[in-house]
């Protein structure tokens, strides 16, 4: 029987793999398993051990806690509330790699800048004259 937590972990695994533009085969090769094993993790047919979660977090360049984001004390969220995945084009992949290579402080400042730029696009244009 599939556990709702295993389903959540599998969704988070699939999401991160796709964001990085990796195939199941590429991820499997990096972890030393067959691609079918990655498929089984993603659809929650197989559970991921603590050691495998650690290995996946290293390969996918996220903390282990990434896989548990969205879970609460009461259990997993009903539906994954995350926005749709960005298109994994060359620019997106390059941006993600550059972003993840930054240390914490520059990463936070870049995130604040992106939020500011997004908000400023939503505001009506203001002119200096009446």
N, C-alpha and C. Protein backbone atom coordinates (compact mmCIF):
# COMPACT_ATOMS: atom_id res chain seq x y z
N UNK A 1 0.84 -1.19 0.00
CA UNK A 1 0.00 0.00 0.00
C UNK A 1 0.88 1.25 0.00
N UNK A 2 0.54 2.20 -0.85
CA UNK A 2 1.31 3.43 -0.93
C UNK A 2 0.93 4.36 0.21
N UNK A 3 1.92 4.91 0.84
CA UNK A 3 1.71 5.86 1.92
C UNK A 3 1.68 7.27 1.34
N UNK A 4 0.84 8.14 1.90
CA UNK A 4 0.73 9.50 1.37
C UNK A 4 2.07 10.25 1.48
N UNK A 5 2.87 9.91 2.47
CA UNK A 5 4.19 10.56 2.59
C UNK A 5 5.10 10.10 1.46
N UNK A 6 5.06 8.80 1.12
CA UNK A 6 5.86 8.30 0.00
C UNK A 6 5.44 8.97 -1.31
N UNK A 7 4.14 9.20 -1.47
CA UNK A 7 3.64 9.88 -2.67
C UNK A 7 4.18 11.31 -2.71
N UNK A 8 4.15 11.99 -1.58
CA UNK A 8 4.67 13.36 -1.50
C UNK A 8 6.16 13.39 -1.85
N UNK A 9 6.94 12.48 -1.27
CA UNK A 9 8.37 12.43 -1.55
C UNK A 9 8.63 12.16 -3.04
N UNK A 10 7.84 11.27 -3.62
CA UNK A 10 8.00 10.96 -5.04
C UNK A 10 7.70 12.15 -5.93
N UNK A 11 6.66 12.91 -5.56
CA UNK A 11 6.33 14.12 -6.33
C UNK A 11 7.45 15.16 -6.24
N UNK A 12 8.00 15.32 -5.03
CA UNK A 12 9.08 16.28 -4.86
C UNK A 12 10.31 15.85 -5.65
N UNK A 13 10.58 14.54 -5.68
CA UNK A 13 11.70 14.02 -6.45
C UNK A 13 11.50 14.31 -7.94
N UNK A 14 10.33 13.99 -8.47
CA UNK A 14 10.03 14.23 -9.89
C UNK A 14 10.15 15.70 -10.23
N UNK A 15 9.59 16.54 -9.35
CA UNK A 15 9.62 17.98 -9.60
C UNK A 15 11.04 18.50 -9.71
N UNK A 16 11.89 18.16 -8.77
CA UNK A 16 13.27 18.65 -8.78
C UNK A 16 14.04 18.10 -9.98
N UNK A 17 13.82 16.83 -10.30
CA UNK A 17 14.49 16.23 -11.45
C UNK A 17 14.12 16.98 -12.72
N UNK A 18 12.84 17.28 -12.88
CA UNK A 18 12.38 17.98 -14.08
C UNK A 18 12.87 19.42 -14.12
N UNK A 19 12.89 20.09 -12.98
CA UNK A 19 13.38 21.47 -12.94
C UNK A 19 14.82 21.52 -13.43
N UNK A 20 15.61 20.52 -13.05
CA UNK A 20 17.01 20.48 -13.49
C UNK A 20 17.17 19.94 -14.91
N UNK A 21 16.07 19.49 -15.49
CA UNK A 21 16.12 18.99 -16.86
C UNK A 21 16.79 17.63 -16.98
N UNK A 22 16.73 16.84 -15.93
CA UNK A 22 17.34 15.51 -15.95
C UNK A 22 16.31 14.46 -16.34
N UNK A 23 16.76 13.46 -17.06
CA UNK A 23 15.90 12.31 -17.34
C UNK A 23 16.00 11.35 -16.17
N UNK A 24 15.06 10.42 -16.10
CA UNK A 24 15.15 9.39 -15.07
C UNK A 24 16.44 8.59 -15.22
N UNK A 25 16.85 8.35 -16.46
CA UNK A 25 18.08 7.60 -16.71
C UNK A 25 19.30 8.36 -16.19
N UNK A 26 19.36 9.66 -16.43
CA UNK A 26 20.49 10.46 -15.96
C UNK A 26 20.57 10.46 -14.44
N UNK A 27 19.43 10.63 -13.80
CA UNK A 27 19.41 10.62 -12.34
C UNK A 27 19.80 9.24 -11.81
N UNK A 28 19.27 8.21 -12.43
CA UNK A 28 19.59 6.85 -12.01
C UNK A 28 21.09 6.57 -12.13
N UNK A 29 21.68 6.98 -13.23
CA UNK A 29 23.12 6.78 -13.43
C UNK A 29 23.93 7.48 -12.36
N UNK A 30 23.51 8.69 -12.00
CA UNK A 30 24.23 9.45 -10.97
C UNK A 30 24.11 8.78 -9.60
N UNK A 31 23.04 8.01 -9.40
CA UNK A 31 22.82 7.34 -8.11
C UNK A 31 23.25 5.88 -8.11
N UNK A 32 23.62 5.37 -9.28
CA UNK A 32 24.05 3.98 -9.36
C UNK A 32 22.91 2.97 -9.30
N UNK A 33 21.73 3.38 -9.80
CA UNK A 33 20.58 2.46 -9.86
C UNK A 33 20.05 2.47 -11.29
N UNK A 34 19.10 1.61 -11.56
CA UNK A 34 18.45 1.59 -12.88
C UNK A 34 17.33 2.63 -12.91
N UNK A 35 16.99 3.09 -14.11
CA UNK A 35 15.97 4.13 -14.22
C UNK A 35 14.63 3.66 -13.69
N UNK A 36 14.37 2.34 -13.75
CA UNK A 36 13.11 1.82 -13.24
C UNK A 36 12.97 2.10 -11.73
N UNK A 37 14.11 2.12 -11.03
CA UNK A 37 14.06 2.40 -9.60
C UNK A 37 13.61 3.84 -9.35
N UNK A 38 14.10 4.77 -10.18
CA UNK A 38 13.68 6.17 -10.06
C UNK A 38 12.18 6.27 -10.36
N UNK A 39 11.72 5.53 -11.37
CA UNK A 39 10.28 5.51 -11.69
C UNK A 39 9.47 5.05 -10.49
N UNK A 40 9.94 4.00 -9.84
CA UNK A 40 9.22 3.46 -8.69
C UNK A 40 9.22 4.42 -7.52
N UNK A 41 10.32 5.16 -7.32
CA UNK A 41 10.34 6.18 -6.27
C UNK A 41 9.34 7.28 -6.59
N UNK A 42 9.33 7.72 -7.84
CA UNK A 42 8.47 8.84 -8.23
C UNK A 42 6.98 8.50 -8.13
N UNK A 43 6.62 7.28 -8.40
CA UNK A 43 5.19 6.91 -8.31
C UNK A 43 4.86 6.26 -6.97
N UNK A 44 5.82 6.24 -6.06
CA UNK A 44 5.65 5.73 -4.69
C UNK A 44 5.41 4.22 -4.63
N UNK A 45 5.81 3.50 -5.67
CA UNK A 45 5.72 2.04 -5.62
C UNK A 45 6.79 1.48 -4.68
N UNK A 46 7.92 2.17 -4.59
CA UNK A 46 9.00 1.80 -3.67
C UNK A 46 9.29 2.97 -2.74
N UNK A 47 9.62 2.64 -1.51
CA UNK A 47 9.99 3.67 -0.54
C UNK A 47 11.47 4.01 -0.69
N UNK A 48 11.78 5.26 -0.38
CA UNK A 48 13.18 5.71 -0.40
C UNK A 48 13.75 5.60 1.01
N UNK A 49 14.90 4.97 1.12
CA UNK A 49 15.55 4.89 2.42
C UNK A 49 16.17 6.24 2.77
N UNK A 50 16.55 6.39 4.01
CA UNK A 50 17.21 7.62 4.45
C UNK A 50 18.50 7.82 3.66
N UNK A 51 19.23 6.75 3.43
CA UNK A 51 20.48 6.84 2.67
C UNK A 51 20.22 7.28 1.23
N UNK A 52 19.16 6.75 0.63
CA UNK A 52 18.83 7.12 -0.75
C UNK A 52 18.38 8.58 -0.82
N UNK A 53 17.58 9.03 0.15
CA UNK A 53 17.18 10.44 0.18
C UNK A 53 18.40 11.34 0.28
N UNK A 54 19.34 10.94 1.10
CA UNK A 54 20.57 11.73 1.25
C UNK A 54 21.30 11.79 -0.10
N UNK A 55 21.45 10.65 -0.74
CA UNK A 55 22.13 10.60 -2.04
C UNK A 55 21.40 11.44 -3.08
N UNK A 56 20.09 11.33 -3.13
CA UNK A 56 19.31 12.12 -4.09
C UNK A 56 19.45 13.61 -3.81
N UNK A 57 19.47 13.98 -2.54
CA UNK A 57 19.61 15.40 -2.21
C UNK A 57 20.96 15.93 -2.68
N UNK A 58 21.99 15.11 -2.57
CA UNK A 58 23.32 15.51 -3.05
C UNK A 58 23.32 15.68 -4.57
N UNK A 59 22.77 14.70 -5.27
CA UNK A 59 22.76 14.73 -6.74
C UNK A 59 21.89 15.88 -7.25
N UNK A 60 20.75 16.11 -6.60
CA UNK A 60 19.82 17.15 -7.04
C UNK A 60 20.12 18.52 -6.43
N UNK A 61 21.16 18.59 -5.62
CA UNK A 61 21.64 19.84 -5.03
C UNK A 61 20.57 20.56 -4.22
N UNK A 62 19.91 19.81 -3.36
CA UNK A 62 18.93 20.36 -2.42
C UNK A 62 19.17 19.73 -1.06
N UNK A 63 18.75 20.39 0.02
CA UNK A 63 18.84 19.74 1.33
C UNK A 63 17.82 18.61 1.42
N UNK A 64 18.05 17.65 2.28
CA UNK A 64 17.11 16.54 2.46
C UNK A 64 15.72 17.09 2.83
N UNK A 65 15.69 18.18 3.56
CA UNK A 65 14.41 18.77 3.98
C UNK A 65 13.55 19.18 2.78
N UNK A 66 14.17 19.40 1.62
CA UNK A 66 13.40 19.76 0.41
C UNK A 66 12.29 18.75 0.15
N UNK A 67 12.60 17.47 0.33
CA UNK A 67 11.63 16.42 0.03
C UNK A 67 10.42 16.46 0.96
N UNK A 68 10.60 17.05 2.14
CA UNK A 68 9.53 17.09 3.13
C UNK A 68 8.77 18.41 3.14
N UNK A 69 9.19 19.37 2.34
CA UNK A 69 8.49 20.66 2.30
C UNK A 69 7.05 20.44 1.89
N UNK A 70 6.15 21.10 2.61
CA UNK A 70 4.72 20.96 2.32
C UNK A 70 4.02 19.99 3.25
N UNK A 71 4.79 19.25 4.05
CA UNK A 71 4.19 18.35 5.04
C UNK A 71 4.01 19.11 6.34
N UNK A 72 2.97 18.77 7.09
CA UNK A 72 2.73 19.42 8.38
C UNK A 72 2.70 18.36 9.47
N UNK A 73 2.56 18.79 10.69
CA UNK A 73 2.47 17.87 11.82
C UNK A 73 1.26 16.95 11.64
N UNK A 74 0.21 17.47 11.04
CA UNK A 74 -1.02 16.69 10.83
C UNK A 74 -0.92 15.72 9.66
N UNK A 75 0.16 15.81 8.90
CA UNK A 75 0.32 14.94 7.75
C UNK A 75 0.59 15.77 6.51
N UNK A 76 0.64 15.11 5.35
CA UNK A 76 0.93 15.83 4.12
C UNK A 76 -0.22 16.73 3.69
N UNK A 77 0.12 17.73 2.94
CA UNK A 77 -0.89 18.63 2.38
C UNK A 77 -1.77 17.81 1.43
N UNK A 78 -3.01 18.23 1.29
CA UNK A 78 -3.94 17.51 0.42
C UNK A 78 -3.45 17.49 -1.03
N UNK A 79 -3.01 18.61 -1.48
CA UNK A 79 -2.54 18.74 -2.86
C UNK A 79 -1.26 19.54 -2.84
N UNK A 80 -0.35 19.22 -3.71
CA UNK A 80 0.91 19.93 -3.78
C UNK A 80 0.63 21.36 -4.25
N UNK A 81 0.77 22.37 -3.36
CA UNK A 81 0.37 23.73 -3.68
C UNK A 81 1.39 24.51 -4.50
N UNK A 82 2.39 23.84 -5.02
CA UNK A 82 3.44 24.55 -5.72
C UNK A 82 2.99 25.04 -7.09
N UNK A 83 3.59 26.11 -7.56
CA UNK A 83 3.25 26.60 -8.90
C UNK A 83 3.74 25.63 -9.96
N UNK A 84 3.28 25.77 -11.18
CA UNK A 84 3.74 24.89 -12.24
C UNK A 84 5.25 24.98 -12.43
N UNK A 85 5.82 23.92 -12.94
CA UNK A 85 7.26 23.89 -13.14
C UNK A 85 7.66 24.86 -14.24
N UNK A 86 8.81 25.51 -14.07
CA UNK A 86 9.28 26.37 -15.14
C UNK A 86 9.76 25.52 -16.31
N UNK A 87 9.75 26.11 -17.47
CA UNK A 87 10.26 25.41 -18.65
C UNK A 87 11.74 25.17 -18.44
N UNK A 88 12.17 23.95 -18.64
CA UNK A 88 13.57 23.60 -18.40
C UNK A 88 14.40 23.85 -19.66
N UNK A 89 14.40 25.10 -20.12
CA UNK A 89 15.22 25.46 -21.26
C UNK A 89 16.65 25.75 -20.82
N UNK A 90 17.50 26.07 -21.79
CA UNK A 90 18.91 26.32 -21.49
C UNK A 90 19.08 27.46 -20.50
N UNK A 91 18.35 28.56 -20.69
CA UNK A 91 18.49 29.71 -19.81
C UNK A 91 18.02 29.37 -18.40
N UNK A 92 16.92 28.63 -18.29
CA UNK A 92 16.40 28.26 -16.98
C UNK A 92 17.39 27.37 -16.25
N UNK A 93 17.93 26.38 -16.95
CA UNK A 93 18.91 25.49 -16.34
C UNK A 93 20.15 26.26 -15.88
N UNK A 94 20.62 27.16 -16.72
CA UNK A 94 21.80 27.95 -16.37
C UNK A 94 21.52 28.84 -15.16
N UNK A 95 20.33 29.43 -15.12
CA UNK A 95 19.96 30.28 -13.99
C UNK A 95 19.87 29.47 -12.70
N UNK A 96 19.27 28.31 -12.76
CA UNK A 96 19.16 27.46 -11.57
C UNK A 96 20.54 27.04 -11.08
N UNK A 97 21.41 26.64 -11.99
CA UNK A 97 22.77 26.23 -11.58
C UNK A 97 23.51 27.39 -10.94
N UNK A 98 23.44 28.56 -11.56
CA UNK A 98 24.13 29.73 -11.02
C UNK A 98 23.55 30.10 -9.65
N UNK A 99 22.24 30.06 -9.52
CA UNK A 99 21.58 30.40 -8.27
C UNK A 99 21.98 29.44 -7.15
N UNK A 100 21.99 28.15 -7.44
CA UNK A 100 22.32 27.17 -6.40
C UNK A 100 23.79 27.22 -6.02
N UNK A 101 24.63 27.77 -6.87
CA UNK A 101 26.06 27.88 -6.54
C UNK A 101 26.38 29.10 -5.68
N UNK A 102 25.41 30.01 -5.54
CA UNK A 102 25.63 31.19 -4.71
C UNK A 102 25.58 30.81 -3.24
N UNK A 103 26.26 31.59 -2.41
CA UNK A 103 26.14 31.39 -0.96
C UNK A 103 24.80 31.96 -0.51
N UNK A 104 24.45 31.72 0.74
CA UNK A 104 23.12 32.06 1.25
C UNK A 104 22.76 33.54 1.09
N UNK A 105 23.64 34.44 1.49
CA UNK A 105 23.33 35.88 1.47
C UNK A 105 23.06 36.38 0.04
N UNK A 106 23.95 36.13 -0.93
CA UNK A 106 23.64 36.57 -2.30
C UNK A 106 22.38 35.92 -2.88
N UNK A 107 22.13 34.66 -2.50
CA UNK A 107 20.94 33.98 -2.98
C UNK A 107 19.68 34.69 -2.47
N UNK A 108 19.66 35.08 -1.20
CA UNK A 108 18.52 35.80 -0.63
C UNK A 108 18.34 37.16 -1.28
N UNK A 109 19.43 37.85 -1.54
CA UNK A 109 19.34 39.18 -2.15
C UNK A 109 18.82 39.08 -3.59
N UNK A 110 19.27 38.06 -4.31
CA UNK A 110 18.79 37.87 -5.68
C UNK A 110 17.30 37.53 -5.68
N UNK A 111 16.87 36.73 -4.74
CA UNK A 111 15.46 36.39 -4.63
C UNK A 111 14.63 37.65 -4.34
N UNK A 112 15.11 38.50 -3.44
CA UNK A 112 14.41 39.75 -3.13
C UNK A 112 14.33 40.64 -4.37
N UNK A 113 15.41 40.71 -5.14
CA UNK A 113 15.42 41.50 -6.36
C UNK A 113 14.39 40.97 -7.36
N UNK A 114 14.34 39.66 -7.53
CA UNK A 114 13.38 39.06 -8.47
C UNK A 114 11.94 39.37 -8.04
N UNK A 115 11.66 39.28 -6.75
CA UNK A 115 10.32 39.59 -6.26
C UNK A 115 9.99 41.06 -6.50
N UNK A 116 10.95 41.95 -6.24
CA UNK A 116 10.74 43.38 -6.47
C UNK A 116 10.45 43.66 -7.94
N UNK A 117 11.24 43.05 -8.84
CA UNK A 117 11.04 43.27 -10.27
C UNK A 117 9.68 42.75 -10.71
N UNK A 118 9.26 41.64 -10.18
CA UNK A 118 7.95 41.08 -10.52
C UNK A 118 6.83 42.00 -10.05
N UNK A 119 6.95 42.54 -8.83
CA UNK A 119 5.94 43.46 -8.31
C UNK A 119 5.89 44.74 -9.12
N UNK A 120 7.05 45.24 -9.52
CA UNK A 120 7.08 46.50 -10.26
C UNK A 120 6.46 46.35 -11.65
N UNK A 121 6.50 45.15 -12.23
CA UNK A 121 5.85 44.92 -13.52
C UNK A 121 4.33 44.94 -13.38
N UNK A 122 3.83 44.57 -12.21
CA UNK A 122 2.39 44.51 -12.00
C UNK A 122 1.78 45.88 -11.72
N UNK A 123 2.60 46.83 -11.26
CA UNK A 123 2.11 48.17 -10.95
C UNK A 123 1.90 48.96 -12.23
N UNK A 124 0.90 49.84 -12.24
CA UNK A 124 0.71 50.69 -13.43
C UNK A 124 1.89 51.64 -13.60
N UNK A 125 2.17 51.99 -14.82
CA UNK A 125 3.28 52.89 -15.11
C UNK A 125 2.96 54.27 -14.56
N UNK A 126 3.93 54.84 -13.86
CA UNK A 126 3.76 56.18 -13.28
C UNK A 126 4.61 57.15 -14.08
N UNK A 127 4.02 58.27 -14.42
CA UNK A 127 4.74 59.31 -15.17
C UNK A 127 5.08 60.45 -14.25
N UNK A 128 6.15 61.16 -14.57
CA UNK A 128 6.58 62.30 -13.77
C UNK A 128 5.70 63.52 -14.03
N UNK A 129 4.93 63.49 -15.09
CA UNK A 129 4.08 64.63 -15.42
C UNK A 129 2.61 64.23 -15.31
N UNK A 130 1.72 65.21 -15.06
CA UNK A 130 0.29 64.93 -14.89
C UNK A 130 -0.41 64.52 -16.16
